[in-house]
Amino acid sequence: MPTSELITRLVVAVALAGALGLEREVRQKHAGLRTHALVGLGAALIVEVGAYGFSDVLVAGKVVVDPSRVAAQVVSGIGFIGAGLIFVRQEYVRGLTTAASIWLTAAVGLAAGAGLWEIALAATILGLAVVEGLELFERLFLHDDGPPATLRVIFVDGDPTAFDSIVAVCGAGNAGIGDVRLHRRDGDPPTVAARIQVRGLDRSAALANRLLAVSGVVEVAIEGGESSRA
């Protein structure tokens, strides 16, 4: 198999996996563009190593040795290291991209160990392009501005339009309602509290101002910050 064909397969894997990751990124899911692209690249590289990396130790018609078994154990074992790099704090996940890069690093090591020097180098360059280049793309076009903040919206219980209006405003601002809790307060009228996840404090403040304009909303607060009342 020509080296150019193998490199083309790696590029196609990055493009297709990245397309899947872009959809997740737009929806603000934890495993986004870079994570998907790295996993796709690593998977394609491992397949190429298994298919073409051990031809020099295999003899046609004879089973001399099966080095791909060792490679398979590396793929399985590296998953434990990747899992140890992923941390969950409240509803925010960190370390997915780092874990994916560790998995890709193992694949690059397999390629180098199998003698596929050019393929290993191409995968390394593609991996760096994914990590650095796509991070810039995310910042410029996807507004990836850090961990999500949590808004607490208090609105009048029984208002038939308040909650629907809140959902519409959140949808326009690419925010997601984490949960809705009934919160009865002393006095009249009773109120309901909704928790909303938003990326970045700047976007949280802008969304809070729009939510305050919704009929029936009594109070909007950024958890850990100041609250605003209608």
C-alpha atoms as a PDB file:
ATOM      1  CA  MET A   1       0.000   0.000   0.000  1.00  0.00           C
ATOM      2  CA  PRO A   2       1.511   3.388  -1.010  1.00  0.00           C
ATOM      3  CA  THR A   3       2.310   5.730   1.855  1.00  0.00           C
ATOM      4  CA  SER A   4       0.296   8.514   0.217  1.00  0.00           C
ATOM      5  CA  GLU A   5      -2.813   6.312   0.303  1.00  0.00           C
ATOM      6  CA  LEU A   6      -2.361   5.572   4.003  1.00  0.00           C
ATOM      7  CA  ILE A   7      -1.913   9.271   4.824  1.00  0.00           C
ATOM      8  CA  THR A   8      -5.020  10.115   2.789  1.00  0.00           C
ATOM      9  CA  ARG A   9      -6.980   7.624   4.873  1.00  0.00           C
ATOM     10  CA  LEU A  10      -5.817   9.369   8.034  1.00  0.00           C
ATOM     11  CA  VAL A  11      -6.922  12.757   6.705  1.00  0.00           C
ATOM     12  CA  VAL A  12     -10.324  11.369   5.729  1.00  0.00           C
ATOM     13  CA  ALA A  13     -10.712   9.843   9.207  1.00  0.00           C
ATOM     14  CA  VAL A  14      -9.969  13.215  10.835  1.00  0.00           C
ATOM     15  CA  ALA A  15     -12.421  14.999   8.539  1.00  0.00           C
ATOM     16  CA  LEU A  16     -15.278  12.548   9.095  1.00  0.00           C
ATOM     17  CA  ALA A  17     -14.747  12.201  12.842  1.00  0.00           C
ATOM     18  CA  GLY A  18     -14.392  15.965  13.119  1.00  0.00           C
ATOM     19  CA  ALA A  19     -17.716  16.431  11.321  1.00  0.00           C
ATOM     20  CA  LEU A  20     -19.402  14.272  13.937  1.00  0.00           C
ATOM     21  CA  GLY A  21     -17.617  16.174  16.697  1.00  0.00           C
ATOM     22  CA  LEU A  22     -18.655  19.526  15.228  1.00  0.00           C
ATOM     23  CA  GLU A  23     -22.317  18.614  15.668  1.00  0.00           C
ATOM     24  CA  ARG A  24     -21.637  17.721  19.318  1.00  0.00           C
ATOM     25  CA  GLU A  25     -19.663  20.947  19.772  1.00  0.00           C
ATOM     26  CA  VAL A  26     -22.496  23.071  18.429  1.00  0.00           C
ATOM     27  CA  ARG A  27     -24.834  21.406  20.925  1.00  0.00           C
ATOM     28  CA  GLN A  28     -22.281  22.106  23.709  1.00  0.00           C
ATOM     29  CA  LYS A  29     -21.704  18.453  24.603  1.00  0.00           C
ATOM     30  CA  HIS A  30     -18.623  17.425  26.542  1.00  0.00           C
ATOM     31  CA  ALA A  31     -16.924  15.359  23.793  1.00  0.00           C
ATOM     32  CA  GLY A  32     -16.616  17.890  20.992  1.00  0.00           C
ATOM     33  CA  LEU A  33     -14.734  18.631  17.798  1.00  0.00           C
ATOM     34  CA  ARG A  34     -11.148  17.963  18.882  1.00  0.00           C
ATOM     35  CA  THR A  35     -11.971  14.880  20.946  1.00  0.00           C
ATOM     36  CA  HIS A  36     -13.833  13.224  18.069  1.00  0.00           C
ATOM     37  CA  ALA A  37     -11.125  14.121  15.548  1.00  0.00           C
ATOM     38  CA  LEU A  38      -8.352  12.695  17.748  1.00  0.00           C
ATOM     39  CA  VAL A  39     -10.249   9.466  18.395  1.00  0.00           C
ATOM     40  CA  GLY A  40     -10.985   9.032  14.685  1.00  0.00           C
ATOM     41  CA  LEU A  41      -7.342   9.664  13.793  1.00  0.00           C
ATOM     42  CA  GLY A  42      -6.101   7.238  16.432  1.00  0.00           C
ATOM     43  CA  ALA A  43      -8.521   4.515  15.359  1.00  0.00           C
ATOM     44  CA  ALA A  44      -7.532   4.860  11.691  1.00  0.00           C
ATOM     45  CA  LEU A  45      -3.833   4.746  12.569  1.00  0.00           C
ATOM     46  CA  ILE A  46      -4.253   1.623  14.711  1.00  0.00           C
ATOM     47  CA  VAL A  47      -6.071  -0.137  11.855  1.00  0.00           C
ATOM     48  CA  GLU A  48      -3.268   0.765   9.459  1.00  0.00           C
ATOM     49  CA  VAL A  49      -0.629  -0.475  11.890  1.00  0.00           C
ATOM     50  CA  GLY A  50      -2.463  -3.775  12.284  1.00  0.00           C
ATOM     51  CA  ALA A  51      -2.941  -4.195   8.533  1.00  0.00           C
ATOM     52  CA  TYR A  52       0.416  -3.050   7.173  1.00  0.00           C
ATOM     53  CA  GLY A  53       2.843  -2.670  10.057  1.00  0.00           C
ATOM     54  CA  PHE A  54       4.020  -6.261  10.505  1.00  0.00           C
ATOM     55  CA  SER A  55       4.518  -7.560   6.974  1.00  0.00           C
ATOM     56  CA  ASP A  56       8.273  -7.932   7.521  1.00  0.00           C
ATOM     57  CA  VAL A  57       7.802 -10.591  10.234  1.00  0.00           C
ATOM     58  CA  LEU A  58       5.020 -12.542   8.533  1.00  0.00           C
ATOM     59  CA  VAL A  59       5.644 -15.283   5.972  1.00  0.00           C
ATOM     60  CA  ALA A  60       2.959 -16.154   3.432  1.00  0.00           C
ATOM     61  CA  GLY A  61       1.374 -19.516   4.169  1.00  0.00           C
ATOM     62  CA  LYS A  62       2.996 -19.797   7.600  1.00  0.00           C
ATOM     63  CA  VAL A  63       2.136 -18.469  11.028  1.00  0.00           C
ATOM     64  CA  VAL A  64       5.504 -17.357  12.381  1.00  0.00           C
ATOM     65  CA  VAL A  65       4.459 -14.721  14.904  1.00  0.00           C
ATOM     66  CA  ASP A  66       1.453 -12.501  15.502  1.00  0.00           C
ATOM     67  CA  PRO A  67       2.786  -9.122  16.722  1.00  0.00           C
ATOM     68  CA  SER A  68      -0.649  -7.534  16.283  1.00  0.00           C
ATOM     69  CA  ARG A  69      -1.695  -9.283  19.513  1.00  0.00           C
ATOM     70  CA  VAL A  70       0.767  -7.098  21.403  1.00  0.00           C
ATOM     71  CA  ALA A  71      -0.592  -4.008  19.654  1.00  0.00           C
ATOM     72  CA  ALA A  72      -4.115  -4.987  20.687  1.00  0.00           C
ATOM     73  CA  GLN A  73      -3.042  -5.181  24.312  1.00  0.00           C
ATOM     74  CA  VAL A  74      -1.532  -1.693  24.063  1.00  0.00           C
ATOM     75  CA  VAL A  75      -4.835  -0.325  22.729  1.00  0.00           C
ATOM     76  CA  SER A  76      -6.753  -1.931  25.589  1.00  0.00           C
ATOM     77  CA  GLY A  77      -4.292  -0.930  28.292  1.00  0.00           C
ATOM     78  CA  ILE A  78      -3.977   2.713  27.290  1.00  0.00           C
ATOM     79  CA  GLY A  79      -7.696   3.138  27.946  1.00  0.00           C
ATOM     80  CA  PHE A  80      -7.044   2.888  31.682  1.00  0.00           C
ATOM     81  CA  ILE A  81      -4.610   5.794  31.530  1.00  0.00           C
ATOM     82  CA  GLY A  82      -7.081   7.840  29.491  1.00  0.00           C
ATOM     83  CA  ALA A  83      -9.879   7.119  31.948  1.00  0.00           C
ATOM     84  CA  GLY A  84      -7.712   8.371  34.806  1.00  0.00           C
ATOM     85  CA  LEU A  85      -7.310  11.737  33.062  1.00  0.00           C
ATOM     86  CA  ILE A  86     -11.033  12.473  32.879  1.00  0.00           C
ATOM     87  CA  PHE A  87     -12.510  14.441  35.760  1.00  0.00           C
ATOM     88  CA  VAL A  88     -16.136  15.313  36.410  1.00  0.00           C
ATOM     89  CA  ARG A  89     -16.965  18.313  38.555  1.00  0.00           C
ATOM     90  CA  GLN A  90     -20.663  18.890  39.036  1.00  0.00           C
ATOM     91  CA  GLU A  91     -21.945  18.836  35.442  1.00  0.00           C
ATOM     92  CA  TYR A  92     -18.673  19.829  33.738  1.00  0.00           C
ATOM     93  CA  VAL A  93     -16.251  17.242  32.328  1.00  0.00           C
ATOM     94  CA  ARG A  94     -12.539  17.931  31.906  1.00  0.00           C
ATOM     95  CA  GLY A  95      -9.780  15.856  30.337  1.00  0.00           C
ATOM     96  CA  LEU A  96     -11.598  14.254  27.390  1.00  0.00           C
ATOM     97  CA  THR A  97      -9.315  15.826  24.785  1.00  0.00           C
ATOM     98  CA  THR A  98      -6.221  14.970  26.835  1.00  0.00           C
ATOM     99  CA  ALA A  99      -7.384  11.361  27.149  1.00  0.00           C
ATOM    100  CA  ALA A 100      -7.966  11.208  23.388  1.00  0.00           C
ATOM    101  CA  SER A 101      -4.478  12.619  22.739  1.00  0.00           C
ATOM    102  CA  ILE A 102      -2.962   9.950  25.016  1.00  0.00           C
ATOM    103  CA  TRP A 103      -4.790   7.297  22.998  1.00  0.00           C
ATOM    104  CA  LEU A 104      -3.462   8.840  19.767  1.00  0.00           C
ATOM    105  CA  THR A 105       0.051   8.932  21.236  1.00  0.00           C
ATOM    106  CA  ALA A 106      -0.146   5.191  21.847  1.00  0.00           C
ATOM    107  CA  ALA A 107      -1.174   4.691  18.216  1.00  0.00           C
ATOM    108  CA  VAL A 108       1.757   6.827  17.033  1.00  0.00           C
ATOM    109  CA  GLY A 109       4.070   4.716  19.179  1.00  0.00           C
ATOM    110  CA  LEU A 110       2.679   1.552  17.624  1.00  0.00           C
ATOM    111  CA  ALA A 111       3.237   2.948  14.129  1.00  0.00           C
ATOM    112  CA  ALA A 112       6.809   3.957  14.940  1.00  0.00           C
ATOM    113  CA  GLY A 113       7.501   0.594  16.569  1.00  0.00           C
ATOM    114  CA  ALA A 114       6.144  -1.192  13.492  1.00  0.00           C
ATOM    115  CA  GLY A 115       8.467   0.793  11.238  1.00  0.00           C
ATOM    116  CA  LEU A 116       5.797   2.995   9.645  1.00  0.00           C
ATOM    117  CA  TRP A 117       7.911   6.123  10.124  1.00  0.00           C
ATOM    118  CA  GLU A 118       6.189   8.339   7.576  1.00  0.00           C
ATOM    119  CA  ILE A 119       2.727   7.346   8.799  1.00  0.00           C
ATOM    120  CA  ALA A 120       3.708   8.006  12.417  1.00  0.00           C
ATOM    121  CA  LEU A 121       5.054  11.450  11.462  1.00  0.00           C
ATOM    122  CA  ALA A 122       1.937  12.288   9.428  1.00  0.00           C
ATOM    123  CA  ALA A 123      -0.332  11.259  12.305  1.00  0.00           C
ATOM    124  CA  THR A 124       1.682  13.394  14.730  1.00  0.00           C
ATOM    125  CA  ILE A 125       1.379  16.439  12.465  1.00  0.00           C
ATOM    126  CA  LEU A 126      -2.347  15.833  12.013  1.00  0.00           C
ATOM    127  CA  GLY A 127      -2.773  15.419  15.770  1.00  0.00           C
ATOM    128  CA  LEU A 128      -1.038  18.729  16.460  1.00  0.00           C
ATOM    129  CA  ALA A 129      -3.159  20.392  13.798  1.00  0.00           C
ATOM    130  CA  VAL A 130      -6.306  19.041  15.443  1.00  0.00           C
ATOM    131  CA  VAL A 131      -5.325  20.147  18.957  1.00  0.00           C
ATOM    132  CA  GLU A 132      -3.983  23.590  18.070  1.00  0.00           C
ATOM    133  CA  GLY A 133      -5.811  24.486  14.868  1.00  0.00           C
ATOM    134  CA  LEU A 134      -9.268  23.317  15.904  1.00  0.00           C
ATOM    135  CA  GLU A 135      -8.923  25.013  19.289  1.00  0.00           C
ATOM    136  CA  LEU A 136      -8.489  28.306  17.441  1.00  0.00           C
ATOM    137  CA  PHE A 137     -11.475  27.417  15.240  1.00  0.00           C
ATOM    138  CA  GLU A 138     -13.593  26.748  18.329  1.00  0.00           C
ATOM    139  CA  ARG A 139     -12.649  30.076  19.890  1.00  0.00           C
ATOM    140  CA  LEU A 140     -13.342  32.056  16.727  1.00  0.00           C
ATOM    141  CA  PHE A 141     -16.528  30.417  15.501  1.00  0.00           C
ATOM    142  CA  LEU A 142     -17.996  28.271  18.271  1.00  0.00           C
ATOM    143  CA  HIS A 143     -17.448  30.659  21.183  1.00  0.00           C
ATOM    144  CA  ASP A 144     -15.952  28.009  23.436  1.00  0.00           C
ATOM    145  CA  ASP A 145     -15.424  30.326  26.397  1.00  0.00           C
ATOM    146  CA  GLY A 146     -14.798  27.949  29.250  1.00  0.00           C
ATOM    147  CA  PRO A 147     -16.792  25.945  31.755  1.00  0.00           C
ATOM    148  CA  PRO A 148     -20.535  26.509  31.911  1.00  0.00           C
ATOM    149  CA  ALA A 149     -22.025  28.816  34.497  1.00  0.00           C
ATOM    150  CA  THR A 150     -25.365  28.110  36.150  1.00  0.00           C
ATOM    151  CA  LEU A 151     -28.262  30.558  36.120  1.00  0.00           C
ATOM    152  CA  ARG A 152     -31.108  30.227  38.610  1.00  0.00           C
ATOM    153  CA  VAL A 153     -34.345  31.667  37.275  1.00  0.00           C
ATOM    154  CA  ILE A 154     -37.255  32.278  39.628  1.00  0.00           C
ATOM    155  CA  PHE A 155     -40.633  32.731  37.958  1.00  0.00           C
ATOM    156  CA  VAL A 156     -44.248  32.840  39.067  1.00  0.00           C
ATOM    157  CA  ASP A 157     -45.841  29.448  39.562  1.00  0.00           C
ATOM    158  CA  GLY A 158     -49.001  29.052  37.527  1.00  0.00           C
ATOM    159  CA  ASP A 159     -48.063  31.522  34.776  1.00  0.00           C
ATOM    160  CA  PRO A 160     -48.925  29.557  31.593  1.00  0.00           C
ATOM    161  CA  THR A 161     -46.476  31.441  29.363  1.00  0.00           C
ATOM    162  CA  ALA A 162     -43.472  32.089  31.626  1.00  0.00           C
ATOM    163  CA  PHE A 163     -41.730  28.747  31.319  1.00  0.00           C
ATOM    164  CA  ASP A 164     -42.306  28.465  27.559  1.00  0.00           C
ATOM    165  CA  SER A 165     -40.832  31.942  27.119  1.00  0.00           C
ATOM    166  CA  ILE A 166     -37.803  30.999  29.268  1.00  0.00           C
ATOM    167  CA  VAL A 167     -37.190  27.899  27.146  1.00  0.00           C
ATOM    168  CA  ALA A 168     -37.423  29.973  23.951  1.00  0.00           C
ATOM    169  CA  VAL A 169     -34.929  32.567  25.229  1.00  0.00           C
ATOM    170  CA  CYS A 170     -32.533  29.817  26.347  1.00  0.00           C
ATOM    171  CA  GLY A 171     -32.786  28.077  22.989  1.00  0.00           C
ATOM    172  CA  ALA A 172     -31.932  31.308  21.172  1.00  0.00           C
ATOM    173  CA  GLY A 173     -28.912  31.685  23.465  1.00  0.00           C
ATOM    174  CA  ASN A 174     -27.690  28.062  23.047  1.00  0.00           C
ATOM    175  CA  ALA A 175     -28.293  27.352  26.730  1.00  0.00           C
ATOM    176  CA  GLY A 176     -29.815  24.233  28.238  1.00  0.00           C
ATOM    177  CA  ILE A 177     -32.119  23.886  31.218  1.00  0.00           C
ATOM    178  CA  GLY A 178     -30.497  21.423  33.593  1.00  0.00           C
ATOM    179  CA  ASP A 179     -33.461  20.784  35.817  1.00  0.00           C
ATOM    180  CA  VAL A 180     -36.622  22.438  37.097  1.00  0.00           C
ATOM    181  CA  ARG A 181     -37.421  22.435  40.812  1.00  0.00           C
ATOM    182  CA  LEU A 182     -40.601  23.531  42.520  1.00  0.00           C
ATOM    183  CA  HIS A 183     -39.601  26.097  45.079  1.00  0.00           C
ATOM    184  CA  ARG A 184     -42.419  27.287  47.325  1.00  0.00           C
ATOM    185  CA  ARG A 185     -41.701  30.496  49.171  1.00  0.00           C
ATOM    186  CA  ASP A 186     -43.597  32.137  52.002  1.00  0.00           C
ATOM    187  CA  GLY A 187     -45.841  34.820  50.651  1.00  0.00           C
ATOM    188  CA  ASP A 188     -47.808  35.247  47.518  1.00  0.00           C
ATOM    189  CA  PRO A 189     -47.487  34.251  44.737  1.00  0.00           C
ATOM    190  CA  PRO A 190     -45.599  30.909  44.921  1.00  0.00           C
ATOM    191  CA  THR A 191     -42.590  30.597  42.615  1.00  0.00           C
ATOM    192  CA  VAL A 192     -40.674  27.961  40.642  1.00  0.00           C
ATOM    193  CA  ALA A 193     -36.881  27.761  40.258  1.00  0.00           C
ATOM    194  CA  ALA A 194     -35.121  26.591  37.080  1.00  0.00           C
ATOM    195  CA  ARG A 195     -31.384  25.916  36.727  1.00  0.00           C
ATOM    196  CA  ILE A 196     -29.848  26.755  33.330  1.00  0.00           C
ATOM    197  CA  GLN A 197     -26.353  25.867  32.070  1.00  0.00           C
ATOM    198  CA  VAL A 198     -24.575  28.548  30.009  1.00  0.00           C
ATOM    199  CA  ARG A 199     -20.982  28.681  28.767  1.00  0.00           C
ATOM    200  CA  GLY A 200     -18.997  31.686  29.950  1.00  0.00           C
ATOM    201  CA  LEU A 201     -19.833  34.437  32.414  1.00  0.00           C
ATOM    202  CA  ASP A 202     -20.187  37.064  29.694  1.00  0.00           C
ATOM    203  CA  ARG A 203     -22.842  35.035  27.907  1.00  0.00           C
ATOM    204  CA  SER A 204     -24.496  34.260  31.246  1.00  0.00           C
ATOM    205  CA  ALA A 205     -24.883  37.958  32.039  1.00  0.00           C
ATOM    206  CA  ALA A 206     -26.360  38.707  28.616  1.00  0.00           C
ATOM    207  CA  LEU A 207     -28.805  35.816  28.894  1.00  0.00           C
ATOM    208  CA  ALA A 208     -29.768  36.893  32.421  1.00  0.00           C
ATOM    209  CA  ASN A 209     -30.733  40.326  31.123  1.00  0.00           C
ATOM    210  CA  ARG A 210     -32.919  38.793  28.413  1.00  0.00           C
ATOM    211  CA  LEU A 211     -34.578  36.471  30.908  1.00  0.00           C
ATOM    212  CA  LEU A 212     -35.424  39.380  33.207  1.00  0.00           C
ATOM    213  CA  ALA A 213     -37.523  40.828  30.413  1.00  0.00           C
ATOM    214  CA  VAL A 214     -39.693  37.689  30.257  1.00  0.00           C
ATOM    215  CA  SER A 215     -43.159  38.166  31.725  1.00  0.00           C
ATOM    216  CA  GLY A 216     -43.517  36.268  35.001  1.00  0.00           C
ATOM    217  CA  VAL A 217     -39.771  36.123  35.802  1.00  0.00           C
ATOM    218  CA  VAL A 218     -39.123  37.445  39.294  1.00  0.00           C
ATOM    219  CA  GLU A 219     -35.380  36.954  39.748  1.00  0.00           C
ATOM    220  CA  VAL A 220     -32.315  35.724  37.804  1.00  0.00           C
ATOM    221  CA  ALA A 221     -29.079  34.858  39.591  1.00  0.00           C
ATOM    222  CA  ILE A 222     -25.710  33.507  38.459  1.00  0.00           C
ATOM    223  CA  GLU A 223     -24.734  30.867  41.019  1.00  0.00           C
ATOM    224  CA  GLY A 224     -21.760  32.206  42.926  1.00  0.00           C
ATOM    225  CA  GLY A 225     -22.480  35.731  41.672  1.00  0.00           C
ATOM    226  CA  GLU A 226     -25.005  38.511  42.069  1.00  0.00           C
ATOM    227  CA  SER A 227     -28.732  38.213  41.492  1.00  0.00           C
ATOM    228  CA  SER A 228     -30.986  40.562  39.552  1.00  0.00           C
ATOM    229  CA  ARG A 229     -34.666  41.189  40.068  1.00  0.00           C
ATOM    230  CA  ALA A 230     -37.281  42.198  37.560  1.00  0.00           C
END
